[in-house]
C-alpha atoms as a PDB file:
ATOM      1  CA  UNK A   1       6.525-130.328 -12.362  1.00  0.00           C
ATOM      2  CA  UNK A   2       5.078-127.909 -14.897  1.00  0.00           C
ATOM      3  CA  UNK A   3       4.722-125.195 -12.251  1.00  0.00           C
ATOM      4  CA  UNK A   4       8.371-125.621 -11.176  1.00  0.00           C
ATOM      5  CA  UNK A   5       9.652-125.284 -14.738  1.00  0.00           C
ATOM      6  CA  UNK A   6       7.712-122.015 -15.117  1.00  0.00           C
ATOM      7  CA  UNK A   7       9.338-120.634 -11.969  1.00  0.00           C
ATOM      8  CA  UNK A   8      12.784-121.694 -13.168  1.00  0.00           C
ATOM      9  CA  UNK A   9      12.162-120.097 -16.581  1.00  0.00           C
ATOM     10  CA  UNK A  10      10.909-116.881 -14.959  1.00  0.00           C
ATOM     11  CA  UNK A  11      13.945-116.813 -12.659  1.00  0.00           C
ATOM     12  CA  UNK A  12      16.347-117.235 -15.607  1.00  0.00           C
ATOM     13  CA  UNK A  13      14.591-114.441 -17.533  1.00  0.00           C
ATOM     14  CA  UNK A  14      14.781-112.111 -14.520  1.00  0.00           C
ATOM     15  CA  UNK A  15      18.491-112.901 -14.120  1.00  0.00           C
ATOM     16  CA  UNK A  16      19.159-112.147 -17.793  1.00  0.00           C
ATOM     17  CA  UNK A  17      17.271-108.846 -17.667  1.00  0.00           C
ATOM     18  CA  UNK A  18      18.975-107.848 -14.397  1.00  0.00           C
ATOM     19  CA  UNK A  19      22.398-108.727 -15.768  1.00  0.00           C
ATOM     20  CA  UNK A  20      21.765-106.722 -18.925  1.00  0.00           C
ATOM     21  CA  UNK A  21      20.625-103.700 -16.928  1.00  0.00           C
ATOM     22  CA  UNK A  22      23.628-104.045 -14.632  1.00  0.00           C
ATOM     23  CA  UNK A  23      26.105-104.069 -17.527  1.00  0.00           C
ATOM     24  CA  UNK A  24      24.356-101.154 -19.234  1.00  0.00           C
ATOM     25  CA  UNK A  25      24.378 -99.149 -16.009  1.00  0.00           C
ATOM     26  CA  UNK A  26      28.039 -99.875 -15.414  1.00  0.00           C
ATOM     27  CA  UNK A  27      28.906 -98.613 -18.892  1.00  0.00           C
ATOM     28  CA  UNK A  28      26.890 -95.448 -18.485  1.00  0.00           C
ATOM     29  CA  UNK A  29      28.411 -94.577 -15.120  1.00  0.00           C
ATOM     30  CA  UNK A  30      32.051 -94.922 -16.218  1.00  0.00           C
ATOM     31  CA  UNK A  31      33.829 -91.569 -16.119  1.00  0.00           C
ATOM     32  CA  UNK A  32      34.772 -90.005 -19.418  1.00  0.00           C
ATOM     33  CA  UNK A  33      38.416 -90.511 -20.316  1.00  0.00           C
ATOM     34  CA  UNK A  34      40.380 -87.348 -20.934  1.00  0.00           C
ATOM     35  CA  UNK A  35      41.855 -86.824 -24.381  1.00  0.00           C
ATOM     36  CA  UNK A  36      45.368 -88.122 -24.844  1.00  0.00           C
ATOM     37  CA  UNK A  37      47.957 -85.718 -23.594  1.00  0.00           C
ATOM     38  CA  UNK A  38      50.353 -84.140 -26.008  1.00  0.00           C
ATOM     39  CA  UNK A  39      53.200 -84.460 -23.536  1.00  0.00           C
ATOM     40  CA  UNK A  40      56.508 -86.192 -23.846  1.00  0.00           C
ATOM     41  CA  UNK A  41      56.882 -89.960 -23.663  1.00  0.00           C
ATOM     42  CA  UNK A  42      60.196 -91.711 -23.084  1.00  0.00           C
ATOM     43  CA  UNK A  43      60.289 -94.632 -25.520  1.00  0.00           C
ATOM     44  CA  UNK A  44      63.896 -95.731 -24.913  1.00  0.00           C
ATOM     45  CA  UNK A  45      65.236 -95.460 -21.402  1.00  0.00           C
ATOM     46  CA  UNK A  46      68.663 -94.149 -20.437  1.00  0.00           C
ATOM     47  CA  UNK A  47      71.438 -95.849 -22.392  1.00  0.00           C
ATOM     48  CA  UNK A  48      75.060 -95.297 -23.365  1.00  0.00           C
ATOM     49  CA  UNK A  49      74.989 -97.286 -26.615  1.00  0.00           C
ATOM     50  CA  UNK A  50      76.858 -95.831 -29.593  1.00  0.00           C
ATOM     51  CA  UNK A  51      73.700 -96.216 -31.709  1.00  0.00           C
ATOM     52  CA  UNK A  52      70.323 -95.815 -30.005  1.00  0.00           C
ATOM     53  CA  UNK A  53      67.459 -97.537 -31.872  1.00  0.00           C
ATOM     54  CA  UNK A  54      63.686 -97.670 -31.504  1.00  0.00           C
ATOM     55  CA  UNK A  55      61.013 -99.535 -33.488  1.00  0.00           C
ATOM     56  CA  UNK A  56      57.359 -98.544 -33.051  1.00  0.00           C
ATOM     57  CA  UNK A  57      54.276-100.725 -33.434  1.00  0.00           C
ATOM     58  CA  UNK A  58      53.529 -99.573 -36.970  1.00  0.00           C
ATOM     59  CA  UNK A  59      56.907-100.846 -38.191  1.00  0.00           C
ATOM     60  CA  UNK A  60      58.762 -97.531 -38.238  1.00  0.00           C
ATOM     61  CA  UNK A  61      62.369 -97.683 -37.063  1.00  0.00           C
ATOM     62  CA  UNK A  62      64.393 -94.808 -35.688  1.00  0.00           C
ATOM     63  CA  UNK A  63      68.138 -94.784 -35.171  1.00  0.00           C
ATOM     64  CA  UNK A  64      70.276 -92.070 -33.601  1.00  0.00           C
ATOM     65  CA  UNK A  65      74.054 -91.836 -33.389  1.00  0.00           C
ATOM     66  CA  UNK A  66      75.645 -91.368 -29.956  1.00  0.00           C
ATOM     67  CA  UNK A  67      79.391 -91.377 -30.815  1.00  0.00           C
ATOM     68  CA  UNK A  68      80.590 -90.192 -27.384  1.00  0.00           C
ATOM     69  CA  UNK A  69      78.533 -92.824 -25.553  1.00  0.00           C
ATOM     70  CA  UNK A  70      76.800 -90.253 -23.382  1.00  0.00           C
ATOM     71  CA  UNK A  71      73.720 -91.058 -21.329  1.00  0.00           C
ATOM     72  CA  UNK A  72      70.745 -90.487 -23.688  1.00  0.00           C
ATOM     73  CA  UNK A  73      67.029 -91.236 -24.073  1.00  0.00           C
ATOM     74  CA  UNK A  74      64.665 -91.239 -27.057  1.00  0.00           C
ATOM     75  CA  UNK A  75      61.559 -89.147 -26.464  1.00  0.00           C
ATOM     76  CA  UNK A  76      58.362 -89.062 -28.546  1.00  0.00           C
ATOM     77  CA  UNK A  77      56.167 -85.990 -28.819  1.00  0.00           C
ATOM     78  CA  UNK A  78      53.392 -85.752 -31.417  1.00  0.00           C
ATOM     79  CA  UNK A  79      54.920 -88.594 -33.481  1.00  0.00           C
ATOM     80  CA  UNK A  80      58.312 -86.885 -33.542  1.00  0.00           C
ATOM     81  CA  UNK A  81      61.198 -88.874 -32.101  1.00  0.00           C
ATOM     82  CA  UNK A  82      64.242 -87.065 -30.715  1.00  0.00           C
ATOM     83  CA  UNK A  83      67.422 -88.135 -28.943  1.00  0.00           C
ATOM     84  CA  UNK A  84      68.081 -86.171 -25.764  1.00  0.00           C
ATOM     85  CA  UNK A  85      71.293 -86.198 -23.776  1.00  0.00           C
ATOM     86  CA  UNK A  86      70.819 -86.424 -20.031  1.00  0.00           C
ATOM     87  CA  UNK A  87      72.823 -83.946 -17.985  1.00  0.00           C
ATOM     88  CA  UNK A  88      73.302 -83.262 -14.298  1.00  0.00           C
ATOM     89  CA  UNK A  89      72.707 -79.928 -12.623  1.00  0.00           C
END
């Protein structure tokens, strides 16, 4: 019985070491993530509302007037929010 418990203990230790090495190896082999792009992000999709509103996660609220009810979106670029009117070509 004593010999069996030693084998079980050795097996558990080997599993723990192998699991730790596996997780460490997986973290080291993950590709580096590119820096965040400074591109445009649409935060409010196309709408025809007279007032277009957006509230971000930090509690900031943005409101834009759209008196003609034209098709517009709110776009964020470098923490600047702007209302753009959509047009056809």
